[in-house]
mmCIF file of all heavy atoms, coordinates in Angstrom:
data_MODEL
# 
_entry.id   MODEL 
# 
loop_
_atom_site.group_PDB 
_atom_site.id 
_atom_site.type_symbol 
_atom_site.label_atom_id 
_atom_site.label_alt_id 
_atom_site.label_comp_id 
_atom_site.label_asym_id 
_atom_site.label_entity_id 
_atom_site.label_seq_id 
_atom_site.pdbx_PDB_ins_code 
_atom_site.Cartn_x 
_atom_site.Cartn_y 
_atom_site.Cartn_z 
_atom_site.occupancy 
_atom_site.B_iso_or_equiv 
_atom_site.pdbx_formal_charge 
_atom_site.auth_seq_id 
_atom_site.auth_comp_id 
_atom_site.auth_asym_id 
_atom_site.auth_atom_id 
_atom_site.pdbx_PDB_model_num 
ATOM 1   N N   . ALA A 1 1  ? -3.588  8.578  -2.325  1.00 0.00 ? 1  ALA A N   1 
ATOM 2   C CA  . ALA A 1 1  ? -3.055  8.288  -0.981  1.00 0.00 ? 1  ALA A CA  1 
ATOM 3   C C   . ALA A 1 1  ? -1.782  7.371  -1.158  1.00 0.00 ? 1  ALA A C   1 
ATOM 4   O O   . ALA A 1 1  ? -1.449  6.910  -2.180  1.00 0.00 ? 1  ALA A O   1 
ATOM 5   C CB  . ALA A 1 1  ? -4.167  7.595  -0.167  1.00 0.00 ? 1  ALA A CB  1 
ATOM 6   N N   . ALA A 1 2  ? -1.200  7.108  0.060   1.00 0.00 ? 2  ALA A N   1 
ATOM 7   C CA  . ALA A 1 2  ? 0.107   6.326  -0.070  1.00 0.00 ? 2  ALA A CA  1 
ATOM 8   C C   . ALA A 1 2  ? -0.161  4.952  -0.623  1.00 0.00 ? 2  ALA A C   1 
ATOM 9   O O   . ALA A 1 2  ? 0.707   4.501  -1.367  1.00 0.00 ? 2  ALA A O   1 
ATOM 10  C CB  . ALA A 1 2  ? 0.650   6.186  1.409   1.00 0.00 ? 2  ALA A CB  1 
ATOM 11  N N   . LEU A 1 3  ? -1.189  4.270  -0.355  1.00 0.00 ? 3  LEU A N   1 
ATOM 12  C CA  . LEU A 1 3  ? -1.435  2.877  -0.928  1.00 0.00 ? 3  LEU A CA  1 
ATOM 13  C C   . LEU A 1 3  ? -1.643  3.075  -2.449  1.00 0.00 ? 3  LEU A C   1 
ATOM 14  O O   . LEU A 1 3  ? -1.005  2.141  -3.092  1.00 0.00 ? 3  LEU A O   1 
ATOM 15  C CB  . LEU A 1 3  ? -2.707  2.327  -0.293  1.00 0.00 ? 3  LEU A CB  1 
ATOM 16  C CG  . LEU A 1 3  ? -3.019  0.853  -0.704  1.00 0.00 ? 3  LEU A CG  1 
ATOM 17  C CD1 . LEU A 1 3  ? -1.786  -0.029 -0.334  1.00 0.00 ? 3  LEU A CD1 1 
ATOM 18  C CD2 . LEU A 1 3  ? -4.228  0.390  0.089   1.00 0.00 ? 3  LEU A CD2 1 
ATOM 19  N N   . HIS A 1 4  ? -2.238  3.951  -2.994  1.00 0.00 ? 4  HIS A N   1 
ATOM 20  C CA  . HIS A 1 4  ? -2.263  4.131  -4.414  1.00 0.00 ? 4  HIS A CA  1 
ATOM 21  C C   . HIS A 1 4  ? -0.900  4.346  -5.009  1.00 0.00 ? 4  HIS A C   1 
ATOM 22  O O   . HIS A 1 4  ? -0.726  3.576  -6.177  1.00 0.00 ? 4  HIS A O   1 
ATOM 23  C CB  . HIS A 1 4  ? -3.171  5.318  -4.791  1.00 0.00 ? 4  HIS A CB  1 
ATOM 24  C CG  . HIS A 1 4  ? -4.618  5.241  -4.358  1.00 0.00 ? 4  HIS A CG  1 
ATOM 25  N ND1 . HIS A 1 4  ? -5.049  6.185  -3.450  1.00 0.00 ? 4  HIS A ND1 1 
ATOM 26  C CD2 . HIS A 1 4  ? -5.611  4.427  -4.577  1.00 0.00 ? 4  HIS A CD2 1 
ATOM 27  C CE1 . HIS A 1 4  ? -6.372  5.963  -3.133  1.00 0.00 ? 4  HIS A CE1 1 
ATOM 28  N NE2 . HIS A 1 4  ? -6.654  4.836  -3.771  1.00 0.00 ? 4  HIS A NE2 1 
ATOM 29  N N   . LEU A 1 5  ? -0.101  5.052  -4.436  1.00 0.00 ? 5  LEU A N   1 
ATOM 30  C CA  . LEU A 1 5  ? 1.201   5.286  -4.896  1.00 0.00 ? 5  LEU A CA  1 
ATOM 31  C C   . LEU A 1 5  ? 2.127   4.128  -4.796  1.00 0.00 ? 5  LEU A C   1 
ATOM 32  O O   . LEU A 1 5  ? 2.893   3.823  -5.765  1.00 0.00 ? 5  LEU A O   1 
ATOM 33  C CB  . LEU A 1 5  ? 1.817   6.561  -4.156  1.00 0.00 ? 5  LEU A CB  1 
ATOM 34  C CG  . LEU A 1 5  ? 1.146   7.858  -4.369  1.00 0.00 ? 5  LEU A CG  1 
ATOM 35  C CD1 . LEU A 1 5  ? 1.546   8.946  -3.404  1.00 0.00 ? 5  LEU A CD1 1 
ATOM 36  C CD2 . LEU A 1 5  ? 1.329   8.409  -5.788  1.00 0.00 ? 5  LEU A CD2 1 
ATOM 37  N N   . ALA A 1 6  ? 2.022   3.394  -3.735  1.00 0.00 ? 6  ALA A N   1 
ATOM 38  C CA  . ALA A 1 6  ? 2.915   2.106  -3.741  1.00 0.00 ? 6  ALA A CA  1 
ATOM 39  C C   . ALA A 1 6  ? 2.485   1.148  -4.785  1.00 0.00 ? 6  ALA A C   1 
ATOM 40  O O   . ALA A 1 6  ? 3.256   0.513  -5.380  1.00 0.00 ? 6  ALA A O   1 
ATOM 41  C CB  . ALA A 1 6  ? 2.651   1.550  -2.326  1.00 0.00 ? 6  ALA A CB  1 
ATOM 42  N N   . ILE A 1 7  ? 1.185   1.125  -5.057  1.00 0.00 ? 7  ILE A N   1 
ATOM 43  C CA  . ILE A 1 7  ? 0.748   0.231  -6.143  1.00 0.00 ? 7  ILE A CA  1 
ATOM 44  C C   . ILE A 1 7  ? 1.103   0.717  -7.424  1.00 0.00 ? 7  ILE A C   1 
ATOM 45  O O   . ILE A 1 7  ? 1.581   -0.164 -8.354  1.00 0.00 ? 7  ILE A O   1 
ATOM 46  C CB  . ILE A 1 7  ? -0.779  0.039  -6.087  1.00 0.00 ? 7  ILE A CB  1 
ATOM 47  C CG1 . ILE A 1 7  ? -1.251  -0.635 -4.680  1.00 0.00 ? 7  ILE A CG1 1 
ATOM 48  C CG2 . ILE A 1 7  ? -1.315  -0.691 -7.201  1.00 0.00 ? 7  ILE A CG2 1 
ATOM 49  C CD1 . ILE A 1 7  ? -2.712  -0.687 -4.394  1.00 0.00 ? 7  ILE A CD1 1 
ATOM 50  N N   . LYS A 1 8  ? 0.975   1.895  -7.729  1.00 0.00 ? 8  LYS A N   1 
ATOM 51  C CA  . LYS A 1 8  ? 1.349   2.453  -9.102  1.00 0.00 ? 8  LYS A CA  1 
ATOM 52  C C   . LYS A 1 8  ? 2.867   2.257  -9.305  1.00 0.00 ? 8  LYS A C   1 
ATOM 53  O O   . LYS A 1 8  ? 3.159   2.043  -10.533 1.00 0.00 ? 8  LYS A O   1 
ATOM 54  C CB  . LYS A 1 8  ? 1.027   3.957  -9.185  1.00 0.00 ? 8  LYS A CB  1 
ATOM 55  C CG  . LYS A 1 8  ? -0.416  4.286  -9.410  1.00 0.00 ? 8  LYS A CG  1 
ATOM 56  C CD  . LYS A 1 8  ? -0.681  5.761  -9.395  1.00 0.00 ? 8  LYS A CD  1 
ATOM 57  C CE  . LYS A 1 8  ? 0.144   6.452  -10.519 1.00 0.00 ? 8  LYS A CE  1 
ATOM 58  N NZ  . LYS A 1 8  ? -0.212  7.883  -10.639 1.00 0.00 ? 8  LYS A NZ  1 
ATOM 59  N N   . SER A 1 9  ? 3.653   2.393  -8.401  1.00 0.00 ? 9  SER A N   1 
ATOM 60  C CA  . SER A 1 9  ? 5.038   2.311  -8.515  1.00 0.00 ? 9  SER A CA  1 
ATOM 61  C C   . SER A 1 9  ? 5.568   0.846  -8.506  1.00 0.00 ? 9  SER A C   1 
ATOM 62  O O   . SER A 1 9  ? 6.734   0.510  -8.697  1.00 0.00 ? 9  SER A O   1 
ATOM 63  C CB  . SER A 1 9  ? 5.743   3.106  -7.420  1.00 0.00 ? 9  SER A CB  1 
ATOM 64  O OG  . SER A 1 9  ? 5.344   4.439  -7.508  1.00 0.00 ? 9  SER A OG  1 
ATOM 65  N N   . GLY A 1 10 ? 4.630   -0.125 -8.158  1.00 0.00 ? 10 GLY A N   1 
ATOM 66  C CA  . GLY A 1 10 ? 5.037   -1.575 -8.104  1.00 0.00 ? 10 GLY A CA  1 
ATOM 67  C C   . GLY A 1 10 ? 5.915   -1.985 -6.911  1.00 0.00 ? 10 GLY A C   1 
ATOM 68  O O   . GLY A 1 10 ? 6.545   -2.938 -6.985  1.00 0.00 ? 10 GLY A O   1 
ATOM 69  N N   . HIS A 1 11 ? 5.613   -1.332 -5.760  1.00 0.00 ? 11 HIS A N   1 
ATOM 70  C CA  . HIS A 1 11 ? 6.456   -1.572 -4.522  1.00 0.00 ? 11 HIS A CA  1 
ATOM 71  C C   . HIS A 1 11 ? 5.523   -2.539 -3.595  1.00 0.00 ? 11 HIS A C   1 
ATOM 72  O O   . HIS A 1 11 ? 4.849   -2.027 -2.685  1.00 0.00 ? 11 HIS A O   1 
ATOM 73  C CB  . HIS A 1 11 ? 6.974   -0.415 -3.876  1.00 0.00 ? 11 HIS A CB  1 
ATOM 74  C CG  . HIS A 1 11 ? 7.769   0.441  -4.715  1.00 0.00 ? 11 HIS A CG  1 
ATOM 75  N ND1 . HIS A 1 11 ? 9.014   -0.119 -5.333  1.00 0.00 ? 11 HIS A ND1 1 
ATOM 76  C CD2 . HIS A 1 11 ? 7.814   1.815  -5.212  1.00 0.00 ? 11 HIS A CD2 1 
ATOM 77  C CE1 . HIS A 1 11 ? 9.585   0.830  -5.974  1.00 0.00 ? 11 HIS A CE1 1 
ATOM 78  N NE2 . HIS A 1 11 ? 8.889   1.920  -5.873  1.00 0.00 ? 11 HIS A NE2 1 
ATOM 79  N N   . MET A 1 12 ? 5.610   -3.727 -3.890  1.00 0.00 ? 12 MET A N   1 
ATOM 80  C CA  . MET A 1 12 ? 4.644   -4.685 -3.170  1.00 0.00 ? 12 MET A CA  1 
ATOM 81  C C   . MET A 1 12 ? 5.024   -4.810 -1.670  1.00 0.00 ? 12 MET A C   1 
ATOM 82  O O   . MET A 1 12 ? 3.946   -5.060 -0.854  1.00 0.00 ? 12 MET A O   1 
ATOM 83  C CB  . MET A 1 12 ? 4.588   -6.021 -3.932  1.00 0.00 ? 12 MET A CB  1 
ATOM 84  C CG  . MET A 1 12 ? 4.179   -5.975 -5.332  1.00 0.00 ? 12 MET A CG  1 
ATOM 85  S SD  . MET A 1 12 ? 2.521   -5.233 -5.445  1.00 0.00 ? 12 MET A SD  1 
ATOM 86  C CE  . MET A 1 12 ? 2.921   -3.737 -6.376  1.00 0.00 ? 12 MET A CE  1 
ATOM 87  N N   . GLN A 1 13 ? 6.236   -4.613 -1.368  1.00 0.00 ? 13 GLN A N   1 
ATOM 88  C CA  . GLN A 1 13 ? 6.535   -4.711 0.197   1.00 0.00 ? 13 GLN A CA  1 
ATOM 89  C C   . GLN A 1 13 ? 5.849   -3.586 0.870   1.00 0.00 ? 13 GLN A C   1 
ATOM 90  O O   . GLN A 1 13 ? 5.390   -3.658 2.018   1.00 0.00 ? 13 GLN A O   1 
ATOM 91  C CB  . GLN A 1 13 ? 8.057   -4.589 0.451   1.00 0.00 ? 13 GLN A CB  1 
ATOM 92  C CG  . GLN A 1 13 ? 8.670   -5.998 -0.005  1.00 0.00 ? 13 GLN A CG  1 
ATOM 93  C CD  . GLN A 1 13 ? 10.200  -5.995 0.268   1.00 0.00 ? 13 GLN A CD  1 
ATOM 94  O OE1 . GLN A 1 13 ? 10.873  -4.923 -0.087  1.00 0.00 ? 13 GLN A OE1 1 
ATOM 95  N NE2 . GLN A 1 13 ? 10.680  -7.042 0.868   1.00 0.00 ? 13 GLN A NE2 1 
ATOM 96  N N   . CYS A 1 14 ? 5.803   -2.384 0.236   1.00 0.00 ? 14 CYS A N   1 
ATOM 97  C CA  . CYS A 1 14 ? 5.110   -1.278 0.823   1.00 0.00 ? 14 CYS A CA  1 
ATOM 98  C C   . CYS A 1 14 ? 3.686   -1.513 0.867   1.00 0.00 ? 14 CYS A C   1 
ATOM 99  O O   . CYS A 1 14 ? 2.921   -1.087 1.827   1.00 0.00 ? 14 CYS A O   1 
ATOM 100 C CB  . CYS A 1 14 ? 5.487   0.037  0.044   1.00 0.00 ? 14 CYS A CB  1 
ATOM 101 S SG  . CYS A 1 14 ? 7.234   0.575  0.179   1.00 0.00 ? 14 CYS A SG  1 
ATOM 102 N N   . VAL A 1 15 ? 3.109   -2.010 -0.152  1.00 0.00 ? 15 VAL A N   1 
ATOM 103 C CA  . VAL A 1 15 ? 1.628   -2.356 -0.177  1.00 0.00 ? 15 VAL A CA  1 
ATOM 104 C C   . VAL A 1 15 ? 1.388   -3.209 1.003   1.00 0.00 ? 15 VAL A C   1 
ATOM 105 O O   . VAL A 1 15 ? 0.343   -3.067 1.694   1.00 0.00 ? 15 VAL A O   1 
ATOM 106 C CB  . VAL A 1 15 ? 1.248   -3.068 -1.534  1.00 0.00 ? 15 VAL A CB  1 
ATOM 107 C CG1 . VAL A 1 15 ? -0.158  -3.558 -1.399  1.00 0.00 ? 15 VAL A CG1 1 
ATOM 108 C CG2 . VAL A 1 15 ? 1.469   -2.054 -2.710  1.00 0.00 ? 15 VAL A CG2 1 
ATOM 109 N N   . SER A 1 16 ? 2.090   -4.350 1.183   1.00 0.00 ? 16 SER A N   1 
ATOM 110 C CA  . SER A 1 16 ? 1.922   -5.281 2.196   1.00 0.00 ? 16 SER A CA  1 
ATOM 111 C C   . SER A 1 16 ? 2.042   -4.696 3.538   1.00 0.00 ? 16 SER A C   1 
ATOM 112 O O   . SER A 1 16 ? 1.131   -4.841 4.416   1.00 0.00 ? 16 SER A O   1 
ATOM 113 C CB  . SER A 1 16 ? 2.910   -6.449 2.128   1.00 0.00 ? 16 SER A CB  1 
ATOM 114 O OG  . SER A 1 16 ? 2.784   -7.359 3.174   1.00 0.00 ? 16 SER A OG  1 
ATOM 115 N N   . LEU A 1 17 ? 3.002   -3.755 3.676   1.00 0.00 ? 17 LEU A N   1 
ATOM 116 C CA  . LEU A 1 17 ? 3.149   -3.221 4.937   1.00 0.00 ? 17 LEU A CA  1 
ATOM 117 C C   . LEU A 1 17 ? 2.101   -2.235 5.369   1.00 0.00 ? 17 LEU A C   1 
ATOM 118 O O   . LEU A 1 17 ? 1.494   -2.138 6.440   1.00 0.00 ? 17 LEU A O   1 
ATOM 119 C CB  . LEU A 1 17 ? 4.483   -2.359 5.155   1.00 0.00 ? 17 LEU A CB  1 
ATOM 120 C CG  . LEU A 1 17 ? 4.820   -1.486 6.310   1.00 0.00 ? 17 LEU A CG  1 
ATOM 121 C CD1 . LEU A 1 17 ? 4.834   -2.468 7.598   1.00 0.00 ? 17 LEU A CD1 1 
ATOM 122 C CD2 . LEU A 1 17 ? 6.197   -0.923 6.209   1.00 0.00 ? 17 LEU A CD2 1 
ATOM 123 N N   . LEU A 1 18 ? 1.626   -1.389 4.394   1.00 0.00 ? 18 LEU A N   1 
ATOM 124 C CA  . LEU A 1 18 ? 0.470   -0.477 4.520   1.00 0.00 ? 18 LEU A CA  1 
ATOM 125 C C   . LEU A 1 18 ? -0.867  -1.310 5.018   1.00 0.00 ? 18 LEU A C   1 
ATOM 126 O O   . LEU A 1 18 ? -1.533  -0.811 5.972   1.00 0.00 ? 18 LEU A O   1 
ATOM 127 C CB  . LEU A 1 18 ? 0.194   0.285  3.303   1.00 0.00 ? 18 LEU A CB  1 
ATOM 128 C CG  . LEU A 1 18 ? 1.225   1.447  3.037   1.00 0.00 ? 18 LEU A CG  1 
ATOM 129 C CD1 . LEU A 1 18 ? 1.093   1.847  1.671   1.00 0.00 ? 18 LEU A CD1 1 
ATOM 130 C CD2 . LEU A 1 18 ? 0.930   2.536  4.160   1.00 0.00 ? 18 LEU A CD2 1 
ATOM 131 N N   . LEU A 1 19 ? -1.048  -2.459 4.363   1.00 0.00 ? 19 LEU A N   1 
ATOM 132 C CA  . LEU A 1 19 ? -2.264  -3.170 4.625   1.00 0.00 ? 19 LEU A CA  1 
ATOM 133 C C   . LEU A 1 19 ? -2.121  -3.849 6.098   1.00 0.00 ? 19 LEU A C   1 
ATOM 134 O O   . LEU A 1 19 ? -3.080  -3.927 6.832   1.00 0.00 ? 19 LEU A O   1 
ATOM 135 C CB  . LEU A 1 19 ? -2.447  -4.316 3.599   1.00 0.00 ? 19 LEU A CB  1 
ATOM 136 C CG  . LEU A 1 19 ? -2.883  -3.849 2.273   1.00 0.00 ? 19 LEU A CG  1 
ATOM 137 C CD1 . LEU A 1 19 ? -2.972  -5.002 1.243   1.00 0.00 ? 19 LEU A CD1 1 
ATOM 138 C CD2 . LEU A 1 19 ? -4.221  -3.180 2.247   1.00 0.00 ? 19 LEU A CD2 1 
ATOM 139 N N   . GLU A 1 20 ? -0.922  -4.245 6.336   1.00 0.00 ? 20 GLU A N   1 
ATOM 140 C CA  . GLU A 1 20 ? -0.598  -4.865 7.812   1.00 0.00 ? 20 GLU A CA  1 
ATOM 141 C C   . GLU A 1 20 ? -0.867  -3.757 8.878   1.00 0.00 ? 20 GLU A C   1 
ATOM 142 O O   . GLU A 1 20 ? -1.293  -4.227 9.982   1.00 0.00 ? 20 GLU A O   1 
ATOM 143 C CB  . GLU A 1 20 ? 0.747   -5.405 7.876   1.00 0.00 ? 20 GLU A CB  1 
ATOM 144 C CG  . GLU A 1 20 ? 1.077   -6.595 7.070   1.00 0.00 ? 20 GLU A CG  1 
ATOM 145 C CD  . GLU A 1 20 ? 2.529   -6.971 7.173   1.00 0.00 ? 20 GLU A CD  1 
ATOM 146 O OE1 . GLU A 1 20 ? 3.346   -6.326 7.851   1.00 0.00 ? 20 GLU A OE1 1 
ATOM 147 O OE2 . GLU A 1 20 ? 2.925   -7.884 6.463   1.00 0.00 ? 20 GLU A OE2 1 
ATOM 148 N N   . ARG A 1 21 ? -0.607  -2.596 8.511   1.00 0.00 ? 21 ARG A N   1 
ATOM 149 C CA  . ARG A 1 21 ? -0.837  -1.478 9.512   1.00 0.00 ? 21 ARG A CA  1 
ATOM 150 C C   . ARG A 1 21 ? -2.119  -0.788 9.428   1.00 0.00 ? 21 ARG A C   1 
ATOM 151 O O   . ARG A 1 21 ? -2.435  0.310  9.771   1.00 0.00 ? 21 ARG A O   1 
ATOM 152 C CB  . ARG A 1 21 ? 0.199   -0.348 9.274   1.00 0.00 ? 21 ARG A CB  1 
ATOM 153 C CG  . ARG A 1 21 ? 1.660   -0.779 9.434   1.00 0.00 ? 21 ARG A CG  1 
ATOM 154 C CD  . ARG A 1 21 ? 2.009   -1.283 10.805  1.00 0.00 ? 21 ARG A CD  1 
ATOM 155 N NE  . ARG A 1 21 ? 3.392   -1.799 10.934  1.00 0.00 ? 21 ARG A NE  1 
ATOM 156 C CZ  . ARG A 1 21 ? 4.367   -0.993 11.276  1.00 0.00 ? 21 ARG A CZ  1 
ATOM 157 N NH1 . ARG A 1 21 ? 4.190   0.346  11.483  1.00 0.00 ? 21 ARG A NH1 1 
ATOM 158 N NH2 . ARG A 1 21 ? 5.567   -1.435 11.393  1.00 0.00 ? 21 ARG A NH2 1 
ATOM 159 N N   . ASN A 1 22 ? -3.194  -1.671 8.676   1.00 0.00 ? 22 ASN A N   1 
ATOM 160 C CA  . ASN A 1 22 ? -4.523  -1.253 8.818   1.00 0.00 ? 22 ASN A CA  1 
ATOM 161 C C   . ASN A 1 22 ? -4.948  -0.099 7.852   1.00 0.00 ? 22 ASN A C   1 
ATOM 162 O O   . ASN A 1 22 ? -5.877  0.645  8.133   1.00 0.00 ? 22 ASN A O   1 
ATOM 163 C CB  . ASN A 1 22 ? -5.119  -0.994 10.309  1.00 0.00 ? 22 ASN A CB  1 
ATOM 164 C CG  . ASN A 1 22 ? -5.016  -2.222 11.170  1.00 0.00 ? 22 ASN A CG  1 
ATOM 165 O OD1 . ASN A 1 22 ? -5.333  -3.316 10.728  1.00 0.00 ? 22 ASN A OD1 1 
ATOM 166 N ND2 . ASN A 1 22 ? -4.543  -1.972 12.305  1.00 0.00 ? 22 ASN A ND2 1 
ATOM 167 N N   . CYS A 1 23 ? -4.104  0.104  6.762   1.00 0.00 ? 23 CYS A N   1 
ATOM 168 C CA  . CYS A 1 23 ? -4.491  1.065  5.862   1.00 0.00 ? 23 CYS A CA  1 
ATOM 169 C C   . CYS A 1 23 ? -5.838  0.637  5.235   1.00 0.00 ? 23 CYS A C   1 
ATOM 170 O O   . CYS A 1 23 ? -5.896  -0.626 4.778   1.00 0.00 ? 23 CYS A O   1 
ATOM 171 C CB  . CYS A 1 23 ? -3.338  1.258  4.765   1.00 0.00 ? 23 CYS A CB  1 
ATOM 172 S SG  . CYS A 1 23 ? -3.728  2.407  3.427   1.00 0.00 ? 23 CYS A SG  1 
ATOM 173 N N   . ASP A 1 24 ? -6.716  1.534  4.933   1.00 0.00 ? 24 ASP A N   1 
ATOM 174 C CA  . ASP A 1 24 ? -7.993  1.152  4.314   1.00 0.00 ? 24 ASP A CA  1 
ATOM 175 C C   . ASP A 1 24 ? -7.761  0.680  2.985   1.00 0.00 ? 24 ASP A C   1 
ATOM 176 O O   . ASP A 1 24 ? -7.328  1.413  2.081   1.00 0.00 ? 24 ASP A O   1 
ATOM 177 C CB  . ASP A 1 24 ? -8.952  2.215  4.409   1.00 0.00 ? 24 ASP A CB  1 
ATOM 178 C CG  . ASP A 1 24 ? -10.284 1.996  3.845   1.00 0.00 ? 24 ASP A CG  1 
ATOM 179 O OD1 . ASP A 1 24 ? -10.552 0.784  3.592   1.00 0.00 ? 24 ASP A OD1 1 
ATOM 180 O OD2 . ASP A 1 24 ? -11.200 2.934  3.796   1.00 0.00 ? 24 ASP A OD2 1 
ATOM 181 N N   . PRO A 1 25 ? -8.074  -0.593 2.573   1.00 0.00 ? 25 PRO A N   1 
ATOM 182 C CA  . PRO A 1 25 ? -7.876  -1.097 1.169   1.00 0.00 ? 25 PRO A CA  1 
ATOM 183 C C   . PRO A 1 25 ? -8.969  -0.567 0.249   1.00 0.00 ? 25 PRO A C   1 
ATOM 184 O O   . PRO A 1 25 ? -8.869  -0.838 -0.930  1.00 0.00 ? 25 PRO A O   1 
ATOM 185 C CB  . PRO A 1 25 ? -8.016  -2.644 1.310   1.00 0.00 ? 25 PRO A CB  1 
ATOM 186 C CG  . PRO A 1 25 ? -8.946  -2.755 2.591   1.00 0.00 ? 25 PRO A CG  1 
ATOM 187 C CD  . PRO A 1 25 ? -8.601  -1.707 3.444   1.00 0.00 ? 25 PRO A CD  1 
ATOM 188 N N   . ASN A 1 26 ? -9.913  0.159  0.846   1.00 0.00 ? 26 ASN A N   1 
ATOM 189 C CA  . ASN A 1 26 ? -10.972 0.793  -0.020  1.00 0.00 ? 26 ASN A CA  1 
ATOM 190 C C   . ASN A 1 26 ? -10.797 2.219  -0.199  1.00 0.00 ? 26 ASN A C   1 
ATOM 191 O O   . ASN A 1 26 ? -11.657 2.925  -0.742  1.00 0.00 ? 26 ASN A O   1 
ATOM 192 C CB  . ASN A 1 26 ? -12.355 0.460  0.623   1.00 0.00 ? 26 ASN A CB  1 
ATOM 193 C CG  . ASN A 1 26 ? -12.619 -1.055 0.786   1.00 0.00 ? 26 ASN A CG  1 
ATOM 194 O OD1 . ASN A 1 26 ? -12.422 -1.870 0.008   1.00 0.00 ? 26 ASN A OD1 1 
ATOM 195 N ND2 . ASN A 1 26 ? -12.858 -1.367 2.025   1.00 0.00 ? 26 ASN A ND2 1 
# 
């Protein structure tokens, strides 16, 4: 999913934004 890809690519601003928009961290 998008969150996995942001993490794999090292884009922490995208990780933070996805979590802020209630993306499931699990």
